[in-house]
Amino acid sequence: MIIMLQQYKHILVAIDGSYEAELAFRKAVEVAKRNNGELFLIHVVDTRAFQNVSSFDSAMVEQVTDTAKKTMEQYVATAKKNGLDNVNYAIEYGAPKVIIAKEIPKEHNIDLIMIGATGLNAVERLLIGSVTEYVTRTAICDVLVVRTDLDNKPALNQAGKKASIQAE
């Protein structure tokens, strides 16, 4: 059980397809319901990933966007199925760290960011750094790093598990 004295009304969750992001989402749904708040989901397409692709074209971006939209709609449906009606999402393009920590919270009056402990493997963290680590250091609002599932069992026991929202 998550006990919070402050009533967070505008909760942001970053969705990247990882199991850790799914854990953050599931807990955020519960926090938003308890506080009668809004859940705002964000998926950021990291445009740096396209910089090294020589055959980059608009069809690539379109395909990534379509996939992200379908995923986000599944998360919205899951939140609504679990009793949360006030849920919205956005798909943004750019540097995930900055968009999650600063831009979206400012634009949408976010008062809590709930984020998975990590969505990357060790090599990716070394090369581009942890989004979670950056968000916890620089966010303009409170940040809750989710490390456990709804039963408060460590997510580390679930290493390698994929997000399962799509199956619901």
N, C-alpha and C. Protein backbone atom coordinates (compact mmCIF):
# COMPACT_ATOMS: atom_id res chain seq x y z
N MET A 1 0.84 -1.18 0.00
CA MET A 1 0.00 0.00 0.00
C MET A 1 0.89 1.24 0.00
N ILE A 2 0.55 2.20 -0.83
CA ILE A 2 1.27 3.46 -0.88
C ILE A 2 0.53 4.46 0.00
N ILE A 3 1.22 5.01 0.98
CA ILE A 3 0.61 6.00 1.86
C ILE A 3 1.24 7.35 1.55
N MET A 4 0.42 8.31 1.16
CA MET A 4 0.92 9.64 0.85
C MET A 4 0.05 10.66 1.55
N LEU A 5 0.68 11.59 2.23
CA LEU A 5 -0.07 12.64 2.90
C LEU A 5 -0.50 13.71 1.91
N GLN A 6 0.36 14.01 0.96
CA GLN A 6 0.02 15.01 -0.04
C GLN A 6 -0.91 14.40 -1.08
N GLN A 7 -1.87 15.17 -1.50
CA GLN A 7 -2.80 14.69 -2.52
C GLN A 7 -2.29 15.13 -3.89
N TYR A 8 -1.66 14.22 -4.58
CA TYR A 8 -1.18 14.50 -5.92
C TYR A 8 -2.36 14.41 -6.88
N LYS A 9 -2.57 15.47 -7.66
CA LYS A 9 -3.72 15.55 -8.56
C LYS A 9 -3.37 15.36 -10.03
N HIS A 10 -2.12 15.59 -10.38
CA HIS A 10 -1.68 15.50 -11.78
C HIS A 10 -0.43 14.63 -11.83
N ILE A 11 -0.61 13.39 -12.21
CA ILE A 11 0.46 12.39 -12.13
C ILE A 11 0.92 12.01 -13.53
N LEU A 12 2.22 12.07 -13.73
CA LEU A 12 2.83 11.74 -15.02
C LEU A 12 3.53 10.39 -14.92
N VAL A 13 3.32 9.55 -15.93
CA VAL A 13 4.05 8.28 -16.03
C VAL A 13 4.65 8.20 -17.42
N ALA A 14 5.95 7.92 -17.47
CA ALA A 14 6.64 7.73 -18.75
C ALA A 14 6.49 6.28 -19.16
N ILE A 15 6.02 6.06 -20.37
CA ILE A 15 5.80 4.71 -20.90
C ILE A 15 6.82 4.44 -21.99
N ASP A 16 7.65 3.41 -21.78
CA ASP A 16 8.65 3.06 -22.79
C ASP A 16 8.59 1.60 -23.22
N GLY A 17 7.57 0.89 -22.78
CA GLY A 17 7.43 -0.52 -23.15
C GLY A 17 8.13 -1.48 -22.21
N SER A 18 8.83 -0.96 -21.20
CA SER A 18 9.54 -1.83 -20.27
C SER A 18 8.63 -2.30 -19.15
N TYR A 19 9.03 -3.38 -18.51
CA TYR A 19 8.30 -3.91 -17.36
C TYR A 19 8.30 -2.88 -16.23
N GLU A 20 9.41 -2.18 -16.05
CA GLU A 20 9.51 -1.17 -14.99
C GLU A 20 8.52 -0.03 -15.20
N ALA A 21 8.33 0.37 -16.45
CA ALA A 21 7.35 1.42 -16.75
C ALA A 21 5.94 0.93 -16.47
N GLU A 22 5.70 -0.35 -16.75
CA GLU A 22 4.38 -0.92 -16.46
C GLU A 22 4.11 -0.92 -14.96
N LEU A 23 5.12 -1.25 -14.16
CA LEU A 23 4.95 -1.21 -12.70
C LEU A 23 4.60 0.20 -12.24
N ALA A 24 5.31 1.19 -12.78
CA ALA A 24 5.03 2.59 -12.42
C ALA A 24 3.60 2.95 -12.83
N PHE A 25 3.20 2.53 -14.01
CA PHE A 25 1.84 2.80 -14.49
C PHE A 25 0.80 2.21 -13.55
N ARG A 26 0.96 0.95 -13.19
CA ARG A 26 -0.03 0.28 -12.34
C ARG A 26 -0.16 0.97 -10.98
N LYS A 27 0.97 1.36 -10.40
CA LYS A 27 0.91 2.06 -9.12
C LYS A 27 0.32 3.46 -9.29
N ALA A 28 0.64 4.11 -10.40
CA ALA A 28 0.12 5.46 -10.65
C ALA A 28 -1.39 5.45 -10.80
N VAL A 29 -1.94 4.41 -11.41
CA VAL A 29 -3.40 4.29 -11.52
C VAL A 29 -4.01 4.29 -10.13
N GLU A 30 -3.42 3.53 -9.22
CA GLU A 30 -3.95 3.45 -7.85
C GLU A 30 -3.83 4.79 -7.12
N VAL A 31 -2.70 5.47 -7.28
CA VAL A 31 -2.50 6.78 -6.63
C VAL A 31 -3.50 7.79 -7.19
N ALA A 32 -3.67 7.81 -8.50
CA ALA A 32 -4.61 8.75 -9.13
C ALA A 32 -6.04 8.48 -8.67
N LYS A 33 -6.43 7.22 -8.59
CA LYS A 33 -7.78 6.88 -8.13
C LYS A 33 -7.98 7.34 -6.68
N ARG A 34 -7.01 7.05 -5.83
CA ARG A 34 -7.11 7.40 -4.41
C ARG A 34 -7.19 8.92 -4.20
N ASN A 35 -6.51 9.67 -5.05
CA ASN A 35 -6.47 11.13 -4.92
C ASN A 35 -7.47 11.83 -5.82
N ASN A 36 -8.29 11.06 -6.52
CA ASN A 36 -9.24 11.64 -7.47
C ASN A 36 -8.50 12.56 -8.45
N GLY A 37 -7.38 12.07 -8.94
CA GLY A 37 -6.51 12.88 -9.79
C GLY A 37 -6.52 12.45 -11.25
N GLU A 38 -5.70 13.14 -12.02
CA GLU A 38 -5.54 12.86 -13.44
C GLU A 38 -4.24 12.11 -13.66
N LEU A 39 -4.29 11.11 -14.53
CA LEU A 39 -3.09 10.39 -14.93
C LEU A 39 -2.74 10.84 -16.34
N PHE A 40 -1.50 11.28 -16.51
CA PHE A 40 -1.03 11.72 -17.82
C PHE A 40 0.11 10.80 -18.23
N LEU A 41 -0.05 10.11 -19.34
CA LEU A 41 0.96 9.18 -19.84
C LEU A 41 1.75 9.85 -20.96
N ILE A 42 3.06 9.63 -20.94
CA ILE A 42 3.90 10.20 -21.99
C ILE A 42 4.79 9.12 -22.58
N HIS A 43 4.88 9.11 -23.89
CA HIS A 43 5.86 8.28 -24.59
C HIS A 43 6.71 9.25 -25.40
N VAL A 44 8.01 9.17 -25.21
CA VAL A 44 8.90 10.06 -25.94
C VAL A 44 9.69 9.26 -26.96
N VAL A 45 9.54 9.63 -28.23
CA VAL A 45 10.33 9.03 -29.29
C VAL A 45 11.67 9.75 -29.28
N ASP A 46 12.71 9.00 -28.95
CA ASP A 46 14.06 9.58 -28.84
C ASP A 46 14.60 9.82 -30.25
N THR A 47 14.59 11.06 -30.67
CA THR A 47 15.00 11.39 -32.04
C THR A 47 16.49 11.12 -32.27
N ARG A 48 17.26 10.99 -31.20
CA ARG A 48 18.68 10.66 -31.37
C ARG A 48 18.84 9.29 -32.02
N ALA A 49 17.86 8.42 -31.81
CA ALA A 49 17.93 7.07 -32.38
C ALA A 49 17.90 7.11 -33.91
N PHE A 50 17.33 8.16 -34.48
CA PHE A 50 17.23 8.26 -35.94
C PHE A 50 18.44 8.96 -36.57
N GLN A 51 19.27 9.59 -35.77
CA GLN A 51 20.39 10.37 -36.30
C GLN A 51 21.40 9.51 -37.04
N ASN A 52 21.56 8.27 -36.61
CA ASN A 52 22.57 7.41 -37.22
C ASN A 52 22.01 6.48 -38.29
N VAL A 53 20.75 6.65 -38.61
CA VAL A 53 20.13 5.80 -39.62
C VAL A 53 20.25 6.49 -40.97
N SER A 54 21.04 5.88 -41.86
CA SER A 54 21.30 6.53 -43.15
C SER A 54 20.07 6.57 -44.04
N SER A 55 19.20 5.58 -43.92
CA SER A 55 18.02 5.55 -44.79
C SER A 55 16.79 6.11 -44.07
N PHE A 56 17.01 7.06 -43.19
CA PHE A 56 15.93 7.67 -42.43
C PHE A 56 14.92 8.34 -43.36
N ASP A 57 13.66 8.06 -43.14
CA ASP A 57 12.62 8.74 -43.88
C ASP A 57 11.39 8.91 -42.99
N SER A 58 10.43 9.64 -43.49
CA SER A 58 9.24 9.94 -42.69
C SER A 58 8.42 8.69 -42.40
N ALA A 59 8.53 7.68 -43.24
CA ALA A 59 7.79 6.43 -43.01
C ALA A 59 8.24 5.77 -41.72
N MET A 60 9.52 5.90 -41.39
CA MET A 60 10.04 5.34 -40.14
C MET A 60 9.38 6.01 -38.94
N VAL A 61 9.34 7.31 -38.96
CA VAL A 61 8.74 8.07 -37.87
C VAL A 61 7.26 7.73 -37.76
N GLU A 62 6.61 7.61 -38.90
CA GLU A 62 5.19 7.28 -38.93
C GLU A 62 4.93 5.91 -38.30
N GLN A 63 5.79 4.94 -38.63
CA GLN A 63 5.63 3.60 -38.08
C GLN A 63 5.84 3.60 -36.56
N VAL A 64 6.88 4.28 -36.10
CA VAL A 64 7.15 4.37 -34.66
C VAL A 64 5.99 5.07 -33.95
N THR A 65 5.47 6.12 -34.56
CA THR A 65 4.35 6.86 -33.97
C THR A 65 3.10 6.00 -33.90
N ASP A 66 2.80 5.26 -34.96
CA ASP A 66 1.63 4.38 -34.97
C ASP A 66 1.72 3.33 -33.87
N THR A 67 2.89 2.73 -33.73
CA THR A 67 3.09 1.72 -32.69
C THR A 67 2.93 2.34 -31.31
N ALA A 68 3.51 3.51 -31.11
CA ALA A 68 3.40 4.20 -29.81
C ALA A 68 1.95 4.54 -29.50
N LYS A 69 1.22 5.00 -30.51
CA LYS A 69 -0.18 5.38 -30.31
C LYS A 69 -1.01 4.17 -29.88
N LYS A 70 -0.81 3.03 -30.54
CA LYS A 70 -1.54 1.82 -30.18
C LYS A 70 -1.22 1.40 -28.74
N THR A 71 0.05 1.47 -28.39
CA THR A 71 0.47 1.11 -27.03
C THR A 71 -0.16 2.03 -26.01
N MET A 72 -0.13 3.32 -26.28
CA MET A 72 -0.69 4.29 -25.33
C MET A 72 -2.19 4.10 -25.18
N GLU A 73 -2.87 3.81 -26.26
CA GLU A 73 -4.32 3.58 -26.19
C GLU A 73 -4.64 2.34 -25.35
N GLN A 74 -3.75 1.33 -25.41
CA GLN A 74 -3.93 0.15 -24.57
C GLN A 74 -3.77 0.50 -23.09
N TYR A 75 -2.79 1.35 -22.79
CA TYR A 75 -2.60 1.78 -21.40
C TYR A 75 -3.80 2.59 -20.91
N VAL A 76 -4.32 3.47 -21.74
CA VAL A 76 -5.50 4.27 -21.37
C VAL A 76 -6.68 3.33 -21.10
N ALA A 77 -6.89 2.36 -21.97
CA ALA A 77 -7.99 1.40 -21.79
C ALA A 77 -7.83 0.62 -20.50
N THR A 78 -6.61 0.23 -20.18
CA THR A 78 -6.35 -0.51 -18.94
C THR A 78 -6.65 0.36 -17.73
N ALA A 79 -6.24 1.62 -17.77
CA ALA A 79 -6.53 2.53 -16.64
C ALA A 79 -8.03 2.68 -16.46
N LYS A 80 -8.75 2.86 -17.55
CA LYS A 80 -10.21 3.03 -17.46
C LYS A 80 -10.87 1.75 -16.96
N LYS A 81 -10.38 0.61 -17.41
CA LYS A 81 -10.92 -0.67 -16.97
C LYS A 81 -10.71 -0.85 -15.45
N ASN A 82 -9.66 -0.22 -14.93
CA ASN A 82 -9.35 -0.31 -13.51
C ASN A 82 -9.96 0.83 -12.70
N GLY A 83 -10.90 1.55 -13.31
CA GLY A 83 -11.67 2.55 -12.56
C GLY A 83 -11.16 3.97 -12.59
N LEU A 84 -10.21 4.27 -13.46
CA LEU A 84 -9.70 5.64 -13.55
C LEU A 84 -10.16 6.24 -14.88
N ASP A 85 -11.04 7.24 -14.81
CA ASP A 85 -11.56 7.85 -16.03
C ASP A 85 -10.73 9.02 -16.53
N ASN A 86 -10.06 9.71 -15.62
CA ASN A 86 -9.32 10.91 -15.99
C ASN A 86 -7.89 10.54 -16.38
N VAL A 87 -7.74 10.07 -17.61
CA VAL A 87 -6.43 9.64 -18.10
C VAL A 87 -6.24 10.16 -19.52
N ASN A 88 -5.07 10.74 -19.76
CA ASN A 88 -4.73 11.29 -21.08
C ASN A 88 -3.31 10.87 -21.43
N TYR A 89 -2.96 11.05 -22.70
CA TYR A 89 -1.59 10.72 -23.10
C TYR A 89 -1.11 11.66 -24.19
N ALA A 90 0.21 11.64 -24.36
CA ALA A 90 0.85 12.38 -25.44
C ALA A 90 2.03 11.58 -25.95
N ILE A 91 2.36 11.79 -27.20
CA ILE A 91 3.56 11.24 -27.80
C ILE A 91 4.40 12.44 -28.21
N GLU A 92 5.61 12.50 -27.72
CA GLU A 92 6.50 13.63 -27.99
C GLU A 92 7.76 13.12 -28.69
N TYR A 93 8.51 14.05 -29.26
CA TYR A 93 9.73 13.73 -29.99
C TYR A 93 10.87 14.58 -29.44
N GLY A 94 12.00 13.94 -29.17
CA GLY A 94 13.15 14.68 -28.65
C GLY A 94 13.90 13.87 -27.62
N ALA A 95 14.50 14.58 -26.67
CA ALA A 95 15.29 13.94 -25.61
C ALA A 95 14.36 13.56 -24.46
N PRO A 96 14.16 12.26 -24.23
CA PRO A 96 13.23 11.83 -23.18
C PRO A 96 13.50 12.45 -21.82
N LYS A 97 14.77 12.56 -21.45
CA LYS A 97 15.12 13.09 -20.13
C LYS A 97 14.51 14.46 -19.89
N VAL A 98 14.72 15.36 -20.81
CA VAL A 98 14.27 16.75 -20.65
C VAL A 98 12.76 16.84 -20.75
N ILE A 99 12.19 16.14 -21.69
CA ILE A 99 10.73 16.19 -21.88
C ILE A 99 10.01 15.67 -20.65
N ILE A 100 10.49 14.56 -20.08
CA ILE A 100 9.84 13.97 -18.91
C ILE A 100 10.08 14.80 -17.65
N ALA A 101 11.28 15.28 -17.46
CA ALA A 101 11.63 16.00 -16.23
C ALA A 101 11.11 17.43 -16.19
N LYS A 102 11.06 18.10 -17.34
CA LYS A 102 10.79 19.53 -17.32
C LYS A 102 9.63 19.99 -18.19
N GLU A 103 9.63 19.59 -19.46
CA GLU A 103 8.66 20.15 -20.40
C GLU A 103 7.22 19.74 -20.11
N ILE A 104 6.96 18.45 -20.02
CA ILE A 104 5.60 17.97 -19.77
C ILE A 104 5.10 18.40 -18.40
N PRO A 105 5.91 18.29 -17.34
CA PRO A 105 5.41 18.76 -16.03
C PRO A 105 5.00 20.23 -16.04
N LYS A 106 5.76 21.05 -16.76
CA LYS A 106 5.43 22.48 -16.82
C LYS A 106 4.15 22.71 -17.63
N GLU A 107 4.04 22.06 -18.79
CA GLU A 107 2.89 22.25 -19.67
C GLU A 107 1.58 21.75 -19.07
N HIS A 108 1.66 20.71 -18.23
CA HIS A 108 0.44 20.05 -17.74
C HIS A 108 0.27 20.15 -16.22
N ASN A 109 1.01 21.06 -15.59
CA ASN A 109 0.91 21.25 -14.14
C ASN A 109 1.05 19.94 -13.36
N ILE A 110 1.99 19.13 -13.75
CA ILE A 110 2.23 17.84 -13.09
C ILE A 110 2.80 18.10 -11.70
N ASP A 111 2.27 17.38 -10.70
CA ASP A 111 2.83 17.53 -9.35
C ASP A 111 3.54 16.26 -8.87
N LEU A 112 3.45 15.17 -9.64
CA LEU A 112 4.17 13.95 -9.31
C LEU A 112 4.51 13.19 -10.58
N ILE A 113 5.77 12.82 -10.71
CA ILE A 113 6.21 11.93 -11.78
C ILE A 113 6.45 10.57 -11.14
N MET A 114 5.81 9.55 -11.68
CA MET A 114 6.07 8.18 -11.23
C MET A 114 6.79 7.48 -12.38
N ILE A 115 7.96 6.94 -12.08
CA ILE A 115 8.81 6.41 -13.14
C ILE A 115 9.43 5.10 -12.68
N GLY A 116 9.60 4.17 -13.62
CA GLY A 116 10.22 2.89 -13.30
C GLY A 116 11.68 3.07 -12.95
N ALA A 117 12.19 2.14 -12.15
CA ALA A 117 13.58 2.23 -11.68
C ALA A 117 14.55 2.35 -12.85
N THR A 118 14.32 1.60 -13.90
CA THR A 118 15.12 1.74 -15.11
C THR A 118 14.45 0.99 -16.24
N GLY A 119 14.55 1.55 -17.43
CA GLY A 119 13.98 0.88 -18.59
C GLY A 119 15.06 0.43 -19.56
N LEU A 120 16.31 0.58 -19.15
CA LEU A 120 17.43 0.28 -20.03
C LEU A 120 18.27 -0.85 -19.48
N ASN A 121 19.07 -1.45 -20.36
CA ASN A 121 20.04 -2.41 -19.87
C ASN A 121 21.33 -1.67 -19.50
N ALA A 122 22.29 -2.36 -18.93
CA ALA A 122 23.51 -1.73 -18.42
C ALA A 122 24.29 -1.00 -19.52
N VAL A 123 24.37 -1.57 -20.70
CA VAL A 123 25.13 -0.94 -21.79
C VAL A 123 24.46 0.36 -22.22
N GLU A 124 23.13 0.34 -22.38
CA GLU A 124 22.41 1.56 -22.78
C GLU A 124 22.58 2.66 -21.73
N ARG A 125 22.52 2.29 -20.44
CA ARG A 125 22.70 3.28 -19.38
C ARG A 125 24.07 3.92 -19.47
N LEU A 126 25.08 3.10 -19.79
CA LEU A 126 26.44 3.61 -19.90
C LEU A 126 26.56 4.59 -21.06
N LEU A 127 25.93 4.27 -22.18
CA LEU A 127 26.06 5.09 -23.37
C LEU A 127 25.23 6.37 -23.32
N ILE A 128 23.99 6.29 -22.91
CA ILE A 128 23.14 7.48 -22.95
C ILE A 128 22.66 7.96 -21.59
N GLY A 129 22.97 7.18 -20.55
CA GLY A 129 22.57 7.59 -19.20
C GLY A 129 21.15 7.20 -18.89
N SER A 130 20.88 7.10 -17.62
CA SER A 130 19.56 6.69 -17.18
C SER A 130 18.60 7.87 -17.17
N VAL A 131 17.48 7.69 -17.85
CA VAL A 131 16.43 8.72 -17.83
C VAL A 131 15.93 8.89 -16.40
N THR A 132 15.74 7.79 -15.70
CA THR A 132 15.25 7.85 -14.32
C THR A 132 16.19 8.66 -13.45
N GLU A 133 17.48 8.42 -13.57
CA GLU A 133 18.46 9.14 -12.76
C GLU A 133 18.39 10.64 -13.05
N TYR A 134 18.31 11.00 -14.31
CA TYR A 134 18.23 12.41 -14.69
C TYR A 134 16.95 13.05 -14.16
N VAL A 135 15.84 12.35 -14.31
CA VAL A 135 14.55 12.88 -13.86
C VAL A 135 14.57 13.12 -12.36
N THR A 136 15.12 12.17 -11.60
CA THR A 136 15.14 12.35 -10.14
C THR A 136 15.99 13.55 -9.73
N ARG A 137 17.02 13.86 -10.49
CA ARG A 137 17.90 14.99 -10.15
C ARG A 137 17.37 16.34 -10.62
N THR A 138 16.61 16.37 -11.71
CA THR A 138 16.30 17.67 -12.31
C THR A 138 14.83 18.01 -12.46
N ALA A 139 13.95 17.10 -12.10
CA ALA A 139 12.51 17.34 -12.29
C ALA A 139 12.05 18.57 -11.53
N ILE A 140 11.03 19.24 -12.07
CA ILE A 140 10.50 20.45 -11.44
C ILE A 140 9.36 20.13 -10.47
N CYS A 141 9.13 18.83 -10.22
CA CYS A 141 8.09 18.41 -9.27
C CYS A 141 8.60 17.18 -8.52
N ASP A 142 7.77 16.63 -7.65
CA ASP A 142 8.14 15.42 -6.92
C ASP A 142 8.26 14.24 -7.87
N VAL A 143 9.14 13.31 -7.50
CA VAL A 143 9.36 12.10 -8.31
C VAL A 143 9.29 10.89 -7.39
N LEU A 144 8.57 9.88 -7.82
CA LEU A 144 8.52 8.61 -7.11
C LEU A 144 9.07 7.54 -8.04
N VAL A 145 10.19 6.93 -7.64
CA VAL A 145 10.79 5.86 -8.43
C VAL A 145 10.18 4.54 -7.96
N VAL A 146 9.54 3.84 -8.88
CA VAL A 146 8.85 2.60 -8.55
C VAL A 146 9.81 1.43 -8.72
N ARG A 147 10.00 0.70 -7.63
CA ARG A 147 10.91 -0.44 -7.64
C ARG A 147 10.20 -1.76 -7.34
N THR A 148 8.91 -1.68 -7.00
CA THR A 148 8.17 -2.88 -6.61
C THR A 148 6.86 -2.98 -7.37
N ASP A 149 6.29 -4.18 -7.36
CA ASP A 149 5.00 -4.38 -8.01
C ASP A 149 3.88 -3.99 -7.05
N LEU A 150 2.64 -4.23 -7.42
CA LEU A 150 1.51 -3.84 -6.58
C LEU A 150 1.48 -4.57 -5.25
N ASP A 151 2.15 -5.72 -5.17
CA ASP A 151 2.24 -6.46 -3.91
C ASP A 151 3.50 -6.09 -3.13
N ASN A 152 4.18 -5.04 -3.59
CA ASN A 152 5.42 -4.56 -2.98
C ASN A 152 6.54 -5.59 -3.00
N LYS A 153 6.53 -6.45 -4.03
CA LYS A 153 7.63 -7.39 -4.23
C LYS A 153 8.62 -6.72 -5.17
N PRO A 154 9.91 -6.83 -4.88
CA PRO A 154 10.91 -6.16 -5.71
C PRO A 154 10.80 -6.53 -7.18
N ALA A 155 10.84 -5.53 -8.02
CA ALA A 155 10.77 -5.75 -9.47
C ALA A 155 12.02 -6.46 -9.97
N LEU A 156 13.11 -6.35 -9.21
CA LEU A 156 14.35 -7.00 -9.62
C LEU A 156 14.17 -8.51 -9.76
N ASN A 157 13.23 -9.08 -9.03
CA ASN A 157 12.95 -10.51 -9.15
C ASN A 157 12.32 -10.83 -10.50
N GLN A 158 11.89 -9.81 -11.22
CA GLN A 158 11.20 -10.00 -12.49
C GLN A 158 12.10 -9.63 -13.67
N ALA A 159 13.41 -9.59 -13.46
CA ALA A 159 14.34 -9.15 -14.50
C ALA A 159 14.05 -9.82 -15.83
N GLY A 160 14.04 -9.02 -16.85
CA GLY A 160 13.83 -9.52 -18.20
C GLY A 160 12.38 -9.69 -18.59
N LYS A 161 11.48 -9.48 -17.66
CA LYS A 161 10.06 -9.63 -17.95
C LYS A 161 9.60 -8.48 -18.83
N LYS A 162 8.76 -8.77 -19.78
CA LYS A 162 8.26 -7.74 -20.70
C LYS A 162 6.94 -7.17 -20.18
N ALA A 163 6.65 -5.99 -20.60
CA ALA A 163 5.38 -5.36 -20.23
C ALA A 163 4.23 -6.20 -20.78
N SER A 164 3.17 -6.32 -20.00
CA SER A 164 2.07 -7.20 -20.40
C SER A 164 0.76 -6.47 -20.65
N ILE A 165 0.77 -5.16 -20.68
CA ILE A 165 -0.46 -4.40 -20.90
C ILE A 165 -1.13 -4.84 -22.19
N GLN A 166 -0.34 -5.13 -23.22
CA GLN A 166 -0.90 -5.48 -24.52
C GLN A 166 -1.78 -6.72 -24.44
N ALA A 167 -1.53 -7.60 -23.47
CA ALA A 167 -2.29 -8.85 -23.37
C ALA A 167 -3.64 -8.67 -22.70
N GLU A 168 -3.89 -7.50 -22.11
CA GLU A 168 -5.13 -7.31 -21.35
C GLU A 168 -6.28 -6.91 -22.22
